Protein backbone atom coordinates (compact mmCIF):
# COMPACT_ATOMS: atom_id res chain seq x y z
CA MET A 1 -1.36 -3.84 16.30
CA PHE A 2 0.71 -0.74 15.74
CA TYR A 3 4.40 -0.11 15.18
CA ASP A 4 6.04 3.29 15.72
CA ASP A 5 9.66 3.53 14.61
CA SER A 6 11.15 6.84 15.73
CA TYR A 7 13.78 6.62 13.00
CA ASP A 8 11.88 5.32 9.99
CA PRO A 9 8.32 6.60 9.41
CA ILE A 10 8.09 4.55 6.22
CA ASN A 11 7.55 1.49 8.40
CA ASN A 12 5.15 3.08 10.89
CA ILE A 13 2.04 0.96 10.58
CA THR A 14 -1.16 -0.06 12.35
CA GLU A 15 -3.81 -2.71 11.78
CA ILE A 16 -7.43 -2.65 12.93
CA ASN A 17 -9.69 -5.68 13.11
CA GLY A 18 -13.06 -4.34 12.02
CA VAL A 19 -16.35 -5.54 13.49
CA ASP A 20 -17.29 -6.22 9.85
CA GLY A 21 -14.68 -8.96 9.68
CA LEU A 22 -12.22 -6.94 7.60
CA LEU A 23 -8.61 -6.19 8.51
CA TYR A 24 -7.67 -2.54 7.90
CA THR A 25 -4.01 -1.57 7.53
CA TYR A 26 -2.63 2.00 7.55
CA MET A 27 1.02 2.81 6.86
CA HIS A 28 3.35 5.88 6.79
CA PHE A 29 2.69 7.70 10.05
CA ALA A 30 4.96 10.48 11.27
CA ARG A 31 7.40 9.65 14.07
CA ASN A 32 5.82 9.46 17.52
CA SER A 33 2.47 10.65 16.17
CA ILE A 34 0.25 7.68 17.13
CA ASP A 35 -2.56 9.17 19.19
CA VAL A 36 -2.36 8.44 22.95
CA ASN A 37 -6.02 7.37 23.10
CA TYR A 38 -5.45 5.00 20.21
CA GLN A 39 -2.47 3.51 22.03
CA LEU A 40 -4.61 3.05 25.17
CA ALA A 41 -7.30 1.28 23.13
CA TYR A 42 -4.64 -1.10 21.84
CA LYS A 43 -3.21 -1.67 25.33
CA ASN A 44 -6.62 -2.23 26.94
CA LYS A 45 -8.03 -4.17 23.96
CA THR A 46 -11.00 -1.82 23.68
CA THR A 47 -12.92 -0.74 20.58
CA VAL A 48 -11.71 2.14 18.44
CA GLN A 49 -14.67 4.25 17.36
CA VAL A 50 -15.17 5.31 13.74
CA GLY A 51 -13.67 8.76 13.26
CA SER A 52 -11.07 8.36 16.02
CA ARG A 53 -7.69 9.92 15.38
CA ILE A 54 -4.95 7.38 14.73
CA GLY A 55 -1.92 9.51 13.94
CA GLN A 56 -0.36 12.07 11.65
CA LEU A 57 0.75 11.35 8.10
CA ALA A 58 4.51 11.35 7.55
CA ARG A 59 6.06 13.98 5.30
CA PHE A 60 8.30 12.77 2.49
CA ALA A 61 11.27 14.67 1.10
CA SER A 62 10.01 13.90 -2.41
CA GLY A 63 6.86 15.91 -1.67
CA TYR A 64 4.70 12.86 -2.37
CA HIS A 65 3.00 12.63 1.01
CA HIS A 66 0.70 9.61 0.97
CA LEU A 67 -0.98 6.89 2.99
CA HIS A 68 -0.88 3.18 2.28
CA TYR A 69 -4.37 1.87 2.96
CA GLN A 70 -5.14 -1.83 2.69
CA ILE A 71 -8.32 -3.83 3.34
CA LEU A 72 -8.08 -7.60 3.72
CA LYS A 73 -11.13 -9.86 3.62
CA GLY A 74 -10.09 -13.41 4.44
CA ASP A 75 -7.57 -14.26 1.74
CA VAL A 76 -8.37 -11.47 -0.73
CA TYR A 77 -7.60 -7.76 -0.82
CA VAL A 78 -10.66 -5.53 -1.10
CA ASN A 79 -10.11 -2.61 -3.45
CA PRO A 80 -10.43 0.59 -1.34
CA LEU A 81 -11.72 2.50 -4.37
CA ALA A 82 -14.71 0.17 -4.40
CA VAL A 83 -15.77 1.12 -0.86
CA ILE A 84 -14.67 4.74 -0.43
CA ALA A 85 -17.70 7.02 -0.64
CA PRO A 86 -18.59 9.35 -2.13
CA HIS A 87 -16.66 8.60 -5.29
CA LEU A 88 -16.10 12.01 -6.89
CA ASP A 89 -14.54 10.94 -10.17
CA THR A 90 -16.57 12.37 -13.06
CA LYS A 91 -14.03 11.81 -15.83
CA PRO A 92 -14.15 8.55 -17.83
CA PRO A 93 -10.95 6.55 -18.32
CA GLU A 94 -8.91 7.04 -21.48
CA ILE A 95 -7.54 4.28 -23.70
CA TRP A 96 -4.44 5.75 -25.30
CA GLY A 97 -3.74 2.76 -27.48
CA VAL A 98 -4.24 -0.93 -28.18
CA HIS A 99 -1.11 -2.78 -29.30
CA PHE A 100 -0.69 -6.17 -30.94
CA VAL A 101 2.59 -8.00 -30.40
CA ALA A 102 3.88 -11.47 -31.17
CA TRP A 103 3.12 -13.91 -28.35
CA ASN A 104 6.00 -13.97 -25.84
CA ASP A 105 8.07 -11.80 -28.19
CA GLY A 106 7.37 -8.24 -27.13
CA SER A 107 10.05 -6.87 -29.43
CA ARG A 108 7.83 -7.53 -32.47
CA GLU A 109 4.75 -5.33 -32.71
CA PHE A 110 2.32 -5.79 -35.57
CA THR A 111 1.60 -2.63 -37.58
CA ALA A 112 -0.64 -1.54 -40.44
CA GLN A 113 2.25 -1.44 -42.97
CA GLY A 114 0.43 0.62 -45.57
CA VAL A 115 -2.90 -1.19 -45.43
CA ASP A 116 -6.11 -0.13 -43.72
CA CYS A 117 -5.77 -2.72 -40.98
CA ILE A 118 -3.12 -4.22 -38.71
CA ALA A 119 -1.87 -7.47 -40.23
CA LEU A 120 -1.82 -10.34 -37.71
CA GLN A 121 -0.53 -13.88 -37.87
CA ASP A 122 -0.23 -16.85 -35.53
CA ARG A 123 -0.46 -16.24 -31.75
CA VAL A 124 -0.82 -12.66 -30.57
CA ASP A 125 -0.64 -10.72 -27.31
CA ILE A 126 -2.91 -7.68 -26.96
CA VAL A 127 -1.77 -4.81 -24.73
CA ALA A 128 -4.04 -1.89 -23.78
CA GLU A 129 -2.57 1.46 -22.72
CA ILE A 130 -4.92 3.12 -20.23
CA ASN A 131 -5.01 6.36 -18.23
CA ASP A 132 -7.58 7.01 -15.50
CA SER A 133 -6.36 10.10 -13.67
CA HIS A 134 -8.85 11.11 -11.00
CA GLU A 135 -9.81 14.75 -10.85
CA GLU A 136 -9.27 14.76 -7.08
CA LEU A 137 -5.60 13.89 -7.63
CA VAL A 138 -5.16 16.38 -10.45
CA SER A 139 -6.59 19.14 -8.23
CA LEU A 140 -3.88 18.29 -5.70
CA GLY A 141 -1.16 18.61 -8.32
CA ARG A 142 -0.75 14.84 -8.88
CA SER A 143 -1.32 13.13 -12.21
CA GLU A 144 -0.67 9.48 -11.35
CA PRO A 145 -3.16 7.16 -13.04
CA VAL A 146 -5.16 4.76 -10.94
CA TRP A 147 -6.65 1.57 -12.29
CA VAL A 148 -10.08 0.95 -13.78
CA TYR A 149 -12.76 -1.27 -12.26
CA ASP A 150 -13.34 -3.52 -15.25
CA LEU A 151 -11.84 -4.16 -18.66
CA TRP A 152 -12.92 -6.41 -21.51
CA TRP A 153 -12.26 -6.88 -25.19
CA GLU A 154 -14.35 -8.13 -28.08
CA VAL A 155 -13.49 -9.48 -31.52
CA CYS A 156 -16.10 -9.00 -34.26
CA SER A 157 -15.92 -10.18 -37.84
CA VAL A 158 -16.39 -7.27 -40.22
CA GLY A 159 -19.54 -7.70 -42.27
CA SER A 160 -21.24 -10.07 -39.84
CA ASN A 161 -22.70 -10.10 -36.35
CA GLN A 162 -20.31 -12.76 -35.07
CA CYS A 163 -18.46 -11.49 -32.01
CA THR A 164 -16.44 -13.12 -29.23
CA LEU A 165 -16.22 -11.49 -25.79
CA HIS A 166 -13.12 -11.83 -23.57
CA THR A 167 -13.10 -10.73 -19.92
CA THR A 168 -10.24 -9.84 -17.55
CA HIS A 169 -10.65 -9.10 -13.83
CA GLN A 170 -13.22 -6.96 -12.01
CA PHE A 171 -11.45 -5.03 -9.26
CA ASP A 172 -13.85 -5.41 -6.38
CA GLU A 173 -10.99 -7.41 -4.92
CA MET A 174 -7.52 -8.68 -5.73
CA PRO A 175 -6.16 -12.18 -5.02
CA THR A 176 -3.61 -12.17 -2.21
CA MET A 177 -1.20 -14.07 -4.44
CA TRP A 178 -0.81 -10.91 -6.50
CA GLY A 179 0.58 -9.20 -3.42
CA ALA A 180 2.61 -12.11 -2.04
CA MET A 181 3.87 -13.12 -5.49
CA ARG A 182 4.41 -9.80 -7.18
CA PHE A 183 5.51 -11.42 -10.43
CA ALA A 184 1.95 -12.74 -10.85
CA ALA A 185 0.44 -9.25 -11.05
CA ASN A 186 3.33 -8.14 -13.26
CA ARG A 187 2.30 -10.75 -15.83
CA TYR A 188 -0.91 -8.79 -16.29
CA TYR A 189 -0.06 -5.18 -15.50
CA ALA A 190 2.80 -2.71 -15.85
CA ASN A 191 3.33 1.01 -15.39
CA ARG A 192 6.01 1.03 -18.05
CA HIS A 193 5.72 0.02 -21.68
CA PRO A 194 6.00 -3.80 -21.59
CA TRP A 195 8.13 -4.25 -24.69
CA ASN A 196 10.31 -1.14 -24.96
CA SER A 197 11.35 1.84 -22.89
CA ARG A 198 9.36 4.65 -24.52
CA SER A 199 7.18 5.03 -21.42
CA SER A 200 8.51 6.91 -18.41
CA TYR A 201 7.54 5.95 -14.87
CA ARG A 202 8.49 9.33 -13.42
CA ASN A 203 7.36 11.83 -16.06
CA PRO A 204 3.62 12.41 -16.54
CA PRO A 205 1.36 12.05 -18.38
CA ARG A 206 1.53 8.34 -17.75
CA ALA A 207 -0.52 5.30 -18.54
CA ASN A 208 -0.86 1.85 -17.09
CA PHE A 209 -0.64 -1.18 -19.33
CA VAL A 210 -2.53 -4.44 -19.21
CA LEU A 211 -1.69 -7.62 -21.10
CA LEU A 212 -5.27 -8.51 -21.96
CA THR A 213 -4.62 -11.90 -23.51
CA ASN A 214 -2.89 -13.33 -20.43
CA PHE A 215 -6.33 -13.54 -18.80
CA ASP A 216 -7.33 -16.08 -21.45
CA ASP A 217 -5.09 -18.77 -19.91
CA PRO A 218 -7.49 -21.31 -18.34
CA LEU A 219 -4.71 -22.67 -16.10
CA ASN A 220 -3.74 -19.21 -14.74
CA ASN A 221 -0.12 -19.71 -15.77
CA PHE A 222 0.04 -16.17 -17.21
CA ILE A 223 0.68 -17.44 -20.77
CA GLY A 224 -2.66 -16.69 -22.39
CA HIS A 225 -2.78 -15.41 -25.95
CA TRP A 226 -5.09 -14.86 -28.91
CA ASP A 227 -4.49 -17.67 -31.39
CA THR A 228 -5.48 -16.23 -34.74
CA ASN A 229 -5.04 -19.69 -36.26
CA ASP A 230 -8.45 -20.46 -34.74
CA MET A 231 -10.00 -17.66 -36.79
CA GLN A 232 -10.90 -17.59 -40.46
CA ASN A 233 -8.70 -15.35 -42.56
CA GLY A 234 -10.38 -11.99 -42.94
CA THR A 235 -10.96 -8.58 -41.39
CA TYR A 236 -12.01 -8.06 -37.79
CA THR A 237 -12.60 -5.25 -35.34
CA VAL A 238 -11.00 -5.57 -31.90
CA THR A 239 -12.72 -3.31 -29.36
CA VAL A 240 -11.42 -2.72 -25.82
CA THR A 241 -13.77 -1.26 -23.19
CA ALA A 242 -12.66 0.21 -19.85
CA GLU A 243 -15.02 1.02 -16.97
CA ASP A 244 -14.06 3.00 -13.86
CA PHE A 245 -15.51 2.75 -10.35
CA ALA A 246 -18.02 5.50 -11.11
CA HIS A 247 -19.23 3.32 -14.03
CA HIS A 248 -17.99 5.62 -16.77
CA THR A 249 -16.93 3.63 -19.83
CA THR A 250 -14.79 4.31 -22.85
CA THR A 251 -13.93 2.18 -25.87
CA HIS A 252 -11.11 1.94 -28.37
CA SER A 253 -11.29 -0.09 -31.58
CA GLU A 254 -8.65 -1.30 -34.00
CA ARG A 255 -9.22 -2.94 -37.39
CA VAL A 256 -7.09 -6.05 -37.93
CA CYS A 257 -6.57 -8.42 -40.85
CA ILE A 258 -5.80 -12.09 -40.20
CA ASP A 259 -3.91 -14.04 -42.82
CA ASN A 260 -2.44 -17.39 -41.75
CA SER A 261 -2.40 -18.87 -45.24
């Protein structure tokens, strides 16, 4: 399938059914730029060879010339970053901050308040602020962050070896519901600060945010949280680890004090 709109290159799109069973989608071609041989292959229902020219990328007035590239495997989206080779990223991701806010009340962030740890009570949401700007993009004058491959967090009691590991989502693929039901993905991720407006979408440097605790909902209703009432009062270390597609990792730890007495 291909669609060539002479008046709106934003919608110019083509899909290729791969012999590997994947559906490849490309979007944002320039007007009337779909290659004639590609059109003939579509008309005659013949195979398009790897490396064949499809069309020319559209130019955007904003200067942000880009291609939308999507890979669909059955009912899940395959992450293109997981299959593009070689992966040239040599810079590990950065965790700019880990924030603790009252569950479902993003206006109330827990702070240290003069003590050597962040004082927590009751049910808590944990938000990680992450930047993973690829060097390839920076070299092209772009600083948009991409997303990491994996992310997890661990709670360890200070003074003991007791730790609890919490996982999120490994980005080999993405459930189609996150695309069809955009609100679902937005319950986990944001490119603006989730509970106030201090983050700018347009002005770099930027970070992406993930609501880590929402992944702890066993019913997938996006209402997960860390219930500190299940913990003994005391001091803990919360460590967040981010891993990119080149398997570079970085960690960020915060010391918290739980007191639900």
